[in-house]
Every structure is written in structure tokens, then in C-alpha cells.
Amino acid sequence: MEHLTIKVYGSGCKGCQNLHQNVIDALAEMDIAADVQYITDMQKIMETGVMSLPALAVNDKIVSAGKVLSVTDIKKFLE
């Protein structure tokens, strides 16, 4: 598997923090190493075109926006 880069875009709210933690938990359960970034800079978020937070990007492709994905949901995107 190629190197994964996962970005969580959020304002720092509880939901965004939960999504970030769920990403870390999903990676740990699957034993996958990835570069996980938690981006709260609104300028950078706006540059992605994401309209609703939290958002999740895998290898710079937005896979989810506007909802807190569960560990199970995140694992589906990583498989």
C-alpha cells in the first residue's frame, strides 16, 4: 500500500476532534501507518472548497464532509 496522507479539516469543535480521534483509532485497529494532519486554518480549509465541517481527505481527495464518521466508516475508506 502506498503512503497514506489523511487530513482532518475542522474548526477545533468537539465533532472535529472526535473525527480526528476516530481516524487515529481506525488506523491503529488496521495497523496502518499514515501521516495524519488536523487542519484548523480556515484559509487552508477554504482553499480545499469544503463547505461543511468536519471534513476528511485521504491522499488529498475529500471523502467526507459535514459529518463525524465512526471508526467503522473510516475503515471502509481505508480498505
C-alpha atoms as a PDB file:
ATOM      1  CA  MET A   1       0.000   0.000   0.000  1.00  0.00           C
ATOM      2  CA  GLU A   2       1.281   3.468  -0.854  1.00  0.00           C
ATOM      3  CA  HIS A   3       1.940   6.002   1.873  1.00  0.00           C
ATOM      4  CA  LEU A   4      -1.300   7.450   3.190  1.00  0.00           C
ATOM      5  CA  THR A   5      -1.865  11.090   3.963  1.00  0.00           C
ATOM      6  CA  ILE A   6      -5.035  11.773   5.902  1.00  0.00           C
ATOM      7  CA  LYS A   7      -6.248  15.273   6.637  1.00  0.00           C
ATOM      8  CA  VAL A   8      -8.994  16.171   9.053  1.00  0.00           C
ATOM      9  CA  TYR A   9     -10.335  19.658   8.394  1.00  0.00           C
ATOM     10  CA  GLY A  10     -12.144  21.284  11.279  1.00  0.00           C
ATOM     11  CA  SER A  11     -12.696  24.364  13.363  1.00  0.00           C
ATOM     12  CA  GLY A  12     -11.475  22.707  16.552  1.00  0.00           C
ATOM     13  CA  CYS A  13     -15.021  21.852  17.671  1.00  0.00           C
ATOM     14  CA  LYS A  14     -15.893  18.678  19.557  1.00  0.00           C
ATOM     15  CA  GLY A  15     -17.120  16.910  16.415  1.00  0.00           C
ATOM     16  CA  CYS A  16     -13.922  17.740  14.554  1.00  0.00           C
ATOM     17  CA  GLN A  17     -11.820  16.469  17.454  1.00  0.00           C
ATOM     18  CA  ASN A  18     -13.898  13.272  17.559  1.00  0.00           C
ATOM     19  CA  LEU A  19     -13.339  12.698  13.829  1.00  0.00           C
ATOM     20  CA  HIS A  20      -9.590  13.195  14.289  1.00  0.00           C
ATOM     21  CA  GLN A  21      -9.531  10.669  17.153  1.00  0.00           C
ATOM     22  CA  ASN A  22     -11.640   8.189  15.163  1.00  0.00           C
ATOM     23  CA  VAL A  23      -9.137   8.382  12.286  1.00  0.00           C
ATOM     24  CA  ILE A  24      -6.289   7.604  14.699  1.00  0.00           C
ATOM     25  CA  ASP A  25      -8.274   4.728  16.228  1.00  0.00           C
ATOM     26  CA  ALA A  26      -9.176   3.281  12.798  1.00  0.00           C
ATOM     27  CA  LEU A  27      -5.536   3.378  11.672  1.00  0.00           C
ATOM     28  CA  ALA A  28      -4.440   1.687  14.897  1.00  0.00           C
ATOM     29  CA  GLU A  29      -7.064  -1.078  14.542  1.00  0.00           C
ATOM     30  CA  MET A  30      -5.984  -1.705  10.943  1.00  0.00           C
ATOM     31  CA  ASP A  31      -2.287  -1.390  11.815  1.00  0.00           C
ATOM     32  CA  ILE A  32      -1.746   1.193   9.074  1.00  0.00           C
ATOM     33  CA  ALA A  33       0.877   3.919   9.290  1.00  0.00           C
ATOM     34  CA  ALA A  34      -0.277   7.244   7.893  1.00  0.00           C
ATOM     35  CA  ASP A  35       0.580  10.904   8.040  1.00  0.00           C
ATOM     36  CA  VAL A  36      -2.429  12.348   9.881  1.00  0.00           C
ATOM     37  CA  GLN A  37      -2.891  16.103   9.881  1.00  0.00           C
ATOM     38  CA  TYR A  38      -5.524  18.079  11.746  1.00  0.00           C
ATOM     39  CA  ILE A  39      -6.046  21.342   9.898  1.00  0.00           C
ATOM     40  CA  THR A  40      -7.885  24.190  11.613  1.00  0.00           C
ATOM     41  CA  ASP A  41      -6.598  27.059   9.454  1.00  0.00           C
ATOM     42  CA  MET A  42      -9.771  28.441   7.837  1.00  0.00           C
ATOM     43  CA  GLN A  43      -7.777  29.818   4.884  1.00  0.00           C
ATOM     44  CA  LYS A  44      -6.416  26.340   4.089  1.00  0.00           C
ATOM     45  CA  ILE A  45      -9.865  24.795   4.591  1.00  0.00           C
ATOM     46  CA  MET A  46     -11.451  27.310   2.198  1.00  0.00           C
ATOM     47  CA  GLU A  47      -8.772  26.526  -0.399  1.00  0.00           C
ATOM     48  CA  THR A  48      -9.985  22.905  -0.493  1.00  0.00           C
ATOM     49  CA  GLY A  49     -13.504  24.032  -1.363  1.00  0.00           C
ATOM     50  CA  VAL A  50     -15.015  22.189   1.597  1.00  0.00           C
ATOM     51  CA  MET A  51     -18.258  23.857   2.653  1.00  0.00           C
ATOM     52  CA  SER A  52     -19.166  21.852   5.746  1.00  0.00           C
ATOM     53  CA  LEU A  53     -17.008  20.673   8.615  1.00  0.00           C
ATOM     54  CA  PRO A  54     -15.630  18.401   9.791  1.00  0.00           C
ATOM     55  CA  ALA A  55     -14.184  17.076   6.544  1.00  0.00           C
ATOM     56  CA  LEU A  56     -11.913  14.142   5.845  1.00  0.00           C
ATOM     57  CA  ALA A  57      -9.422  13.825   2.988  1.00  0.00           C
ATOM     58  CA  VAL A  58      -7.455  10.719   2.078  1.00  0.00           C
ATOM     59  CA  ASN A  59      -4.430  11.437  -0.146  1.00  0.00           C
ATOM     60  CA  ASP A  60      -5.854  14.936  -0.817  1.00  0.00           C
ATOM     61  CA  LYS A  61      -9.218  13.588  -2.009  1.00  0.00           C
ATOM     62  CA  ILE A  62     -12.180  14.754   0.095  1.00  0.00           C
ATOM     63  CA  VAL A  63     -14.076  11.608   1.096  1.00  0.00           C
ATOM     64  CA  SER A  64     -16.454  13.078   3.657  1.00  0.00           C
ATOM     65  CA  ALA A  65     -17.746  16.486   4.707  1.00  0.00           C
ATOM     66  CA  GLY A  66     -20.218  17.636   7.303  1.00  0.00           C
ATOM     67  CA  LYS A  67     -20.318  14.563   9.489  1.00  0.00           C
ATOM     68  CA  VAL A  68     -18.337  12.799  12.168  1.00  0.00           C
ATOM     69  CA  LEU A  69     -17.521   9.392  10.739  1.00  0.00           C
ATOM     70  CA  SER A  70     -17.313   6.407  13.055  1.00  0.00           C
ATOM     71  CA  VAL A  71     -14.179   4.266  13.272  1.00  0.00           C
ATOM     72  CA  THR A  72     -16.037   1.634  11.191  1.00  0.00           C
ATOM     73  CA  ASP A  73     -16.930   4.166   8.468  1.00  0.00           C
ATOM     74  CA  ILE A  74     -13.350   5.432   8.302  1.00  0.00           C
ATOM     75  CA  LYS A  75     -12.030   1.890   7.949  1.00  0.00           C
ATOM     76  CA  LYS A  76     -14.232   1.438   4.848  1.00  0.00           C
ATOM     77  CA  PHE A  77     -12.483   4.393   3.176  1.00  0.00           C
ATOM     78  CA  LEU A  78      -9.074   2.960   4.061  1.00  0.00           C
ATOM     79  CA  GLU A  79      -9.638  -0.591   2.822  1.00  0.00           C
END
